[in-house]
Amino acid sequence: MREPGDLAAALVMLRAHVAGQRAALAGDPATVCPYDPYGDNAVTRARARMWIRGYDLVRPASIDYTG
């Protein structure tokens, strides 16, 4: 059963994901992520991951496996 706070928590993550996509579309570097991936708060770390996922959806990181 869902609790009312579950949807609110999901919305926070969705907003971070969309913000990452918008930053990528604007041509910003991934380093402008406003959330600390090593922060003390689990929600902040999760928001950083979602922001990067949104960013990577638009501008995937290129990985060179040749060498």
PDB file of N, CA and C in Angstrom:
ATOM      1  N   MET A   1       0.838  -1.181   0.000  1.00  0.00           N
ATOM      2  CA  MET A   1       0.000   0.000   0.000  1.00  0.00           C
ATOM      3  C   MET A   1       0.879   1.239   0.000  1.00  0.00           C
ATOM      4  N   ARG A   2       0.525   2.198  -0.797  1.00  0.00           N
ATOM      5  CA  ARG A   2       1.298   3.438  -0.879  1.00  0.00           C
ATOM      6  C   ARG A   2       0.935   4.391   0.242  1.00  0.00           C
ATOM      7  N   GLU A   3       1.942   5.054   0.701  1.00  0.00           N
ATOM      8  CA  GLU A   3       1.758   6.125   1.678  1.00  0.00           C
ATOM      9  C   GLU A   3       1.766   7.455   0.916  1.00  0.00           C
ATOM     10  N   PRO A   4       1.105   8.487   1.421  1.00  0.00           N
ATOM     11  CA  PRO A   4       1.086   9.775   0.726  1.00  0.00           C
ATOM     12  C   PRO A   4       2.479  10.339   0.463  1.00  0.00           C
ATOM     13  N   GLY A   5       3.423  10.093   1.349  1.00  0.00           N
ATOM     14  CA  GLY A   5       4.775  10.617   1.179  1.00  0.00           C
ATOM     15  C   GLY A   5       5.558   9.946   0.069  1.00  0.00           C
ATOM     16  N   ASP A   6       5.135   8.745  -0.344  1.00  0.00           N
ATOM     17  CA  ASP A   6       5.841   8.035  -1.405  1.00  0.00           C
ATOM     18  C   ASP A   6       5.820   8.818  -2.713  1.00  0.00           C
ATOM     19  N   LEU A   7       4.656   9.343  -3.050  1.00  0.00           N
ATOM     20  CA  LEU A   7       4.535  10.089  -4.299  1.00  0.00           C
ATOM     21  C   LEU A   7       5.306  11.400  -4.230  1.00  0.00           C
ATOM     22  N   ALA A   8       5.328  12.023  -3.078  1.00  0.00           N
ATOM     23  CA  ALA A   8       6.089  13.266  -2.919  1.00  0.00           C
ATOM     24  C   ALA A   8       7.572  12.999  -3.087  1.00  0.00           C
ATOM     25  N   ALA A   9       8.056  11.884  -2.561  1.00  0.00           N
ATOM     26  CA  ALA A   9       9.470  11.537  -2.705  1.00  0.00           C
ATOM     27  C   ALA A   9       9.801  11.253  -4.166  1.00  0.00           C
ATOM     28  N   ALA A  10       8.892  10.594  -4.859  1.00  0.00           N
ATOM     29  CA  ALA A  10       9.116  10.304  -6.274  1.00  0.00           C
ATOM     30  C   ALA A  10       9.163  11.590  -7.091  1.00  0.00           C
ATOM     31  N   LEU A  11       8.345  12.558  -6.749  1.00  0.00           N
ATOM     32  CA  LEU A  11       8.323  13.822  -7.470  1.00  0.00           C
ATOM     33  C   LEU A  11       9.649  14.554  -7.340  1.00  0.00           C
ATOM     34  N   VAL A  12      10.251  14.513  -6.178  1.00  0.00           N
ATOM     35  CA  VAL A  12      11.565  15.141  -5.964  1.00  0.00           C
ATOM     36  C   VAL A  12      12.600  14.509  -6.889  1.00  0.00           C
ATOM     37  N   MET A  13      12.552  13.188  -7.016  1.00  0.00           N
ATOM     38  CA  MET A  13      13.510  12.495  -7.881  1.00  0.00           C
ATOM     39  C   MET A  13      13.236  12.795  -9.353  1.00  0.00           C
ATOM     40  N   LEU A  14      11.973  12.849  -9.718  1.00  0.00           N
ATOM     41  CA  LEU A  14      11.615  13.171 -11.094  1.00  0.00           C
ATOM     42  C   LEU A  14      12.084  14.570 -11.471  1.00  0.00           C
ATOM     43  N   ARG A  15      11.927  15.507 -10.563  1.00  0.00           N
ATOM     44  CA  ARG A  15      12.380  16.880 -10.835  1.00  0.00           C
ATOM     45  C   ARG A  15      13.891  16.941 -11.028  1.00  0.00           C
ATOM     46  N   ALA A  16      14.634  16.173 -10.249  1.00  0.00           N
ATOM     47  CA  ALA A  16      16.090  16.134 -10.410  1.00  0.00           C
ATOM     48  C   ALA A  16      16.454  15.538 -11.768  1.00  0.00           C
ATOM     49  N   HIS A  17      15.740  14.501 -12.177  1.00  0.00           N
ATOM     50  CA  HIS A  17      15.993  13.856 -13.470  1.00  0.00           C
ATOM     51  C   HIS A  17      15.751  14.837 -14.619  1.00  0.00           C
ATOM     52  N   VAL A  18      14.635  15.542 -14.563  1.00  0.00           N
ATOM     53  CA  VAL A  18      14.298  16.521 -15.603  1.00  0.00           C
ATOM     54  C   VAL A  18      15.303  17.670 -15.601  1.00  0.00           C
ATOM     55  N   ALA A  19      15.746  18.090 -14.440  1.00  0.00           N
ATOM     56  CA  ALA A  19      16.735  19.173 -14.361  1.00  0.00           C
ATOM     57  C   ALA A  19      18.043  18.748 -15.024  1.00  0.00           C
ATOM     58  N   GLY A  20      18.433  17.496 -14.857  1.00  0.00           N
ATOM     59  CA  GLY A  20      19.629  16.986 -15.522  1.00  0.00           C
ATOM     60  C   GLY A  20      19.472  16.987 -17.033  1.00  0.00           C
ATOM     61  N   GLN A  21      18.293  16.594 -17.510  1.00  0.00           N
ATOM     62  CA  GLN A  21      18.032  16.615 -18.948  1.00  0.00           C
ATOM     63  C   GLN A  21      18.109  18.035 -19.496  1.00  0.00           C
ATOM     64  N   ARG A  22      17.524  18.959 -18.776  1.00  0.00           N
ATOM     65  CA  ARG A  22      17.541  20.362 -19.232  1.00  0.00           C
ATOM     66  C   ARG A  22      18.952  20.933 -19.262  1.00  0.00           C
ATOM     67  N   ALA A  23      19.750  20.578 -18.282  1.00  0.00           N
ATOM     68  CA  ALA A  23      21.133  21.045 -18.269  1.00  0.00           C
ATOM     69  C   ALA A  23      21.900  20.500 -19.472  1.00  0.00           C
ATOM     70  N   ALA A  24      21.672  19.235 -19.793  1.00  0.00           N
ATOM     71  CA  ALA A  24      22.335  18.639 -20.952  1.00  0.00           C
ATOM     72  C   ALA A  24      21.875  19.300 -22.248  1.00  0.00           C
ATOM     73  N   LEU A  25      20.584  19.548 -22.361  1.00  0.00           N
ATOM     74  CA  LEU A  25      20.064  20.209 -23.556  1.00  0.00           C
ATOM     75  C   LEU A  25      20.603  21.629 -23.699  1.00  0.00           C
ATOM     76  N   ALA A  26      20.862  22.286 -22.579  1.00  0.00           N
ATOM     77  CA  ALA A  26      21.404  23.644 -22.603  1.00  0.00           C
ATOM     78  C   ALA A  26      22.896  23.660 -22.913  1.00  0.00           C
ATOM     79  N   GLY A  27      23.511  22.463 -22.932  1.00  0.00           N
ATOM     80  CA  GLY A  27      24.941  22.392 -23.231  1.00  0.00           C
ATOM     81  C   GLY A  27      25.831  22.573 -22.018  1.00  0.00           C
ATOM     82  N   ASP A  28      25.251  22.540 -20.832  1.00  0.00           N
ATOM     83  CA  ASP A  28      26.045  22.679 -19.612  1.00  0.00           C
ATOM     84  C   ASP A  28      26.867  21.418 -19.370  1.00  0.00           C
ATOM     85  N   PRO A  29      28.039  21.551 -18.736  1.00  0.00           N
ATOM     86  CA  PRO A  29      28.810  20.358 -18.401  1.00  0.00           C
ATOM     87  C   PRO A  29      28.162  19.605 -17.243  1.00  0.00           C
ATOM     88  N   ALA A  30      28.443  18.331 -17.138  1.00  0.00           N
ATOM     89  CA  ALA A  30      27.854  17.509 -16.075  1.00  0.00           C
ATOM     90  C   ALA A  30      28.283  17.981 -14.694  1.00  0.00           C
ATOM     91  N   THR A  31      29.344  18.726 -14.623  1.00  0.00           N
ATOM     92  CA  THR A  31      29.851  19.199 -13.330  1.00  0.00           C
ATOM     93  C   THR A  31      28.984  20.282 -12.702  1.00  0.00           C
ATOM     94  N   VAL A  32      27.960  20.757 -13.402  1.00  0.00           N
ATOM     95  CA  VAL A  32      27.081  21.768 -12.811  1.00  0.00           C
ATOM     96  C   VAL A  32      25.977  21.145 -11.963  1.00  0.00           C
ATOM     97  N   CYS A  33      26.002  19.842 -11.785  1.00  0.00           N
ATOM     98  CA  CYS A  33      24.996  19.165 -10.966  1.00  0.00           C
ATOM     99  C   CYS A  33      24.910  19.853  -9.603  1.00  0.00           C
ATOM    100  N   PRO A  34      23.730  20.303  -9.210  1.00  0.00           N
ATOM    101  CA  PRO A  34      23.599  21.040  -7.957  1.00  0.00           C
ATOM    102  C   PRO A  34      23.567  20.169  -6.701  1.00  0.00           C
ATOM    103  N   TYR A  35      23.596  18.868  -6.867  1.00  0.00           N
ATOM    104  CA  TYR A  35      23.491  17.958  -5.727  1.00  0.00           C
ATOM    105  C   TYR A  35      24.830  17.274  -5.482  1.00  0.00           C
ATOM    106  N   ASP A  36      25.176  17.125  -4.224  1.00  0.00           N
ATOM    107  CA  ASP A  36      26.440  16.514  -3.845  1.00  0.00           C
ATOM    108  C   ASP A  36      26.300  14.989  -3.814  1.00  0.00           C
ATOM    109  N   PRO A  37      26.987  14.289  -4.723  1.00  0.00           N
ATOM    110  CA  PRO A  37      26.863  12.827  -4.731  1.00  0.00           C
ATOM    111  C   PRO A  37      27.480  12.161  -3.504  1.00  0.00           C
ATOM    112  N   TYR A  38      28.241  12.909  -2.741  1.00  0.00           N
ATOM    113  CA  TYR A  38      28.867  12.382  -1.518  1.00  0.00           C
ATOM    114  C   TYR A  38      28.311  13.058  -0.270  1.00  0.00           C
ATOM    115  N   GLY A  39      27.146  13.670  -0.397  1.00  0.00           N
ATOM    116  CA  GLY A  39      26.546  14.396   0.718  1.00  0.00           C
ATOM    117  C   GLY A  39      26.166  13.492   1.878  1.00  0.00           C
ATOM    118  N   ASP A  40      25.913  14.116   3.018  1.00  0.00           N
ATOM    119  CA  ASP A  40      25.551  13.388   4.233  1.00  0.00           C
ATOM    120  C   ASP A  40      24.108  12.889   4.206  1.00  0.00           C
ATOM    121  N   ASN A  41      23.298  13.462   3.345  1.00  0.00           N
ATOM    122  CA  ASN A  41      21.880  13.143   3.290  1.00  0.00           C
ATOM    123  C   ASN A  41      21.620  12.150   2.150  1.00  0.00           C
ATOM    124  N   ALA A  42      20.952  11.047   2.435  1.00  0.00           N
ATOM    125  CA  ALA A  42      20.672  10.029   1.418  1.00  0.00           C
ATOM    126  C   ALA A  42      19.811  10.576   0.283  1.00  0.00           C
ATOM    127  N   VAL A  43      18.914  11.481   0.594  1.00  0.00           N
ATOM    128  CA  VAL A  43      18.056  12.056  -0.444  1.00  0.00           C
ATOM    129  C   VAL A  43      18.887  12.907  -1.398  1.00  0.00           C
ATOM    130  N   THR A  44      19.819  13.657  -0.881  1.00  0.00           N
ATOM    131  CA  THR A  44      20.688  14.470  -1.725  1.00  0.00           C
ATOM    132  C   THR A  44      21.521  13.591  -2.637  1.00  0.00           C
ATOM    133  N   ARG A  45      22.054  12.504  -2.121  1.00  0.00           N
ATOM    134  CA  ARG A  45      22.842  11.576  -2.951  1.00  0.00           C
ATOM    135  C   ARG A  45      21.968  10.949  -4.031  1.00  0.00           C
ATOM    136  N   ALA A  46      20.740  10.597  -3.691  1.00  0.00           N
ATOM    137  CA  ALA A  46      19.824  10.017  -4.673  1.00  0.00           C
ATOM    138  C   ALA A  46      19.455  11.041  -5.746  1.00  0.00           C
ATOM    139  N   ARG A  47      19.264  12.278  -5.330  1.00  0.00           N
ATOM    140  CA  ARG A  47      18.954  13.335  -6.299  1.00  0.00           C
ATOM    141  C   ARG A  47      20.124  13.552  -7.252  1.00  0.00           C
ATOM    142  N   ALA A  48      21.340  13.462  -6.748  1.00  0.00           N
ATOM    143  CA  ALA A  48      22.521  13.590  -7.611  1.00  0.00           C
ATOM    144  C   ALA A  48      22.538  12.475  -8.650  1.00  0.00           C
ATOM    145  N   ARG A  49      22.242  11.253  -8.222  1.00  0.00           N
ATOM    146  CA  ARG A  49      22.212  10.132  -9.166  1.00  0.00           C
ATOM    147  C   ARG A  49      21.132  10.328 -10.217  1.00  0.00           C
ATOM    148  N   MET A  50      19.972  10.796  -9.805  1.00  0.00           N
ATOM    149  CA  MET A  50      18.887  11.016 -10.757  1.00  0.00           C
ATOM    150  C   MET A  50      19.218  12.155 -11.721  1.00  0.00           C
ATOM    151  N   TRP A  51      19.872  13.196 -11.223  1.00  0.00           N
ATOM    152  CA  TRP A  51      20.264  14.309 -12.078  1.00  0.00           C
ATOM    153  C   TRP A  51      21.234  13.812 -13.149  1.00  0.00           C
ATOM    154  N   ILE A  52      22.217  13.036 -12.737  1.00  0.00           N
ATOM    155  CA  ILE A  52      23.202  12.508 -13.681  1.00  0.00           C
ATOM    156  C   ILE A  52      22.540  11.554 -14.675  1.00  0.00           C
ATOM    157  N   ARG A  53      21.601  10.751 -14.223  1.00  0.00           N
ATOM    158  CA  ARG A  53      20.884   9.843 -15.143  1.00  0.00           C
ATOM    159  C   ARG A  53      20.119  10.631 -16.192  1.00  0.00           C
ATOM    160  N   GLY A  54      19.477  11.712 -15.780  1.00  0.00           N
ATOM    161  CA  GLY A  54      18.770  12.557 -16.732  1.00  0.00           C
ATOM    162  C   GLY A  54      19.729  13.205 -17.712  1.00  0.00           C
ATOM    163  N   TYR A  55      20.844  13.668 -17.204  1.00  0.00           N
ATOM    164  CA  TYR A  55      21.865  14.288 -18.044  1.00  0.00           C
ATOM    165  C   TYR A  55      22.387  13.279 -19.059  1.00  0.00           C
ATOM    166  N   ASP A  56      22.697  12.086 -18.576  1.00  0.00           N
ATOM    167  CA  ASP A  56      23.275  11.047 -19.426  1.00  0.00           C
ATOM    168  C   ASP A  56      22.279  10.554 -20.477  1.00  0.00           C
ATOM    169  N   LEU A  57      21.007  10.671 -20.202  1.00  0.00           N
ATOM    170  CA  LEU A  57      19.998  10.284 -21.170  1.00  0.00           C
ATOM    171  C   LEU A  57      20.088  11.150 -22.424  1.00  0.00           C
ATOM    172  N   VAL A  58      20.412  12.425 -22.234  1.00  0.00           N
ATOM    173  CA  VAL A  58      20.501  13.371 -23.343  1.00  0.00           C
ATOM    174  C   VAL A  58      21.910  13.394 -23.933  1.00  0.00           C
ATOM    175  N   ARG A  59      22.917  13.391 -23.080  1.00  0.00           N
ATOM    176  CA  ARG A  59      24.315  13.442 -23.525  1.00  0.00           C
ATOM    177  C   ARG A  59      25.078  12.278 -22.900  1.00  0.00           C
ATOM    178  N   PRO A  60      24.985  11.099 -23.493  1.00  0.00           N
ATOM    179  CA  PRO A  60      25.654   9.936 -22.912  1.00  0.00           C
ATOM    180  C   PRO A  60      27.161  10.134 -22.850  1.00  0.00           C
ATOM    181  N   ALA A  61      27.732   9.638 -21.782  1.00  0.00           N
ATOM    182  CA  ALA A  61      29.185   9.707 -21.619  1.00  0.00           C
ATOM    183  C   ALA A  61      29.825   8.762 -22.620  1.00  0.00           C
ATOM    184  N   SER A  62      30.813   9.259 -23.326  1.00  0.00           N
ATOM    185  CA  SER A  62      31.519   8.391 -24.263  1.00  0.00           C
ATOM    186  C   SER A  62      32.635   7.661 -23.508  1.00  0.00           C
ATOM    187  N   ILE A  63      32.673   6.380 -23.699  1.00  0.00           N
ATOM    188  CA  ILE A  63      33.690   5.553 -23.038  1.00  0.00           C
ATOM    189  C   ILE A  63      34.543   4.905 -24.115  1.00  0.00           C
ATOM    190  N   ASP A  64      35.839   5.118 -24.022  1.00  0.00           N
ATOM    191  CA  ASP A  64      36.768   4.560 -25.003  1.00  0.00           C
ATOM    192  C   ASP A  64      37.301   3.228 -24.480  1.00  0.00           C
ATOM    193  N   TYR A  65      36.910   2.156 -25.124  1.00  0.00           N
ATOM    194  CA  TYR A  65      37.338   0.821 -24.718  1.00  0.00           C
ATOM    195  C   TYR A  65      38.541   0.318 -25.501  1.00  0.00           C
ATOM    196  N   THR A  66      39.130   1.175 -26.326  1.00  0.00           N
ATOM    197  CA  THR A  66      40.219   0.740 -27.192  1.00  0.00           C
ATOM    198  C   THR A  66      41.556   0.658 -26.473  1.00  0.00           C
ATOM    199  N   GLY A  67      41.648   1.303 -25.344  1.00  0.00           N
ATOM    200  CA  GLY A  67      42.925   1.304 -24.856  1.00  0.00           C
ATOM    201  C   GLY A  67      43.549   1.292 -23.646  1.00  0.00           C
TER     202      GLY A  67
END
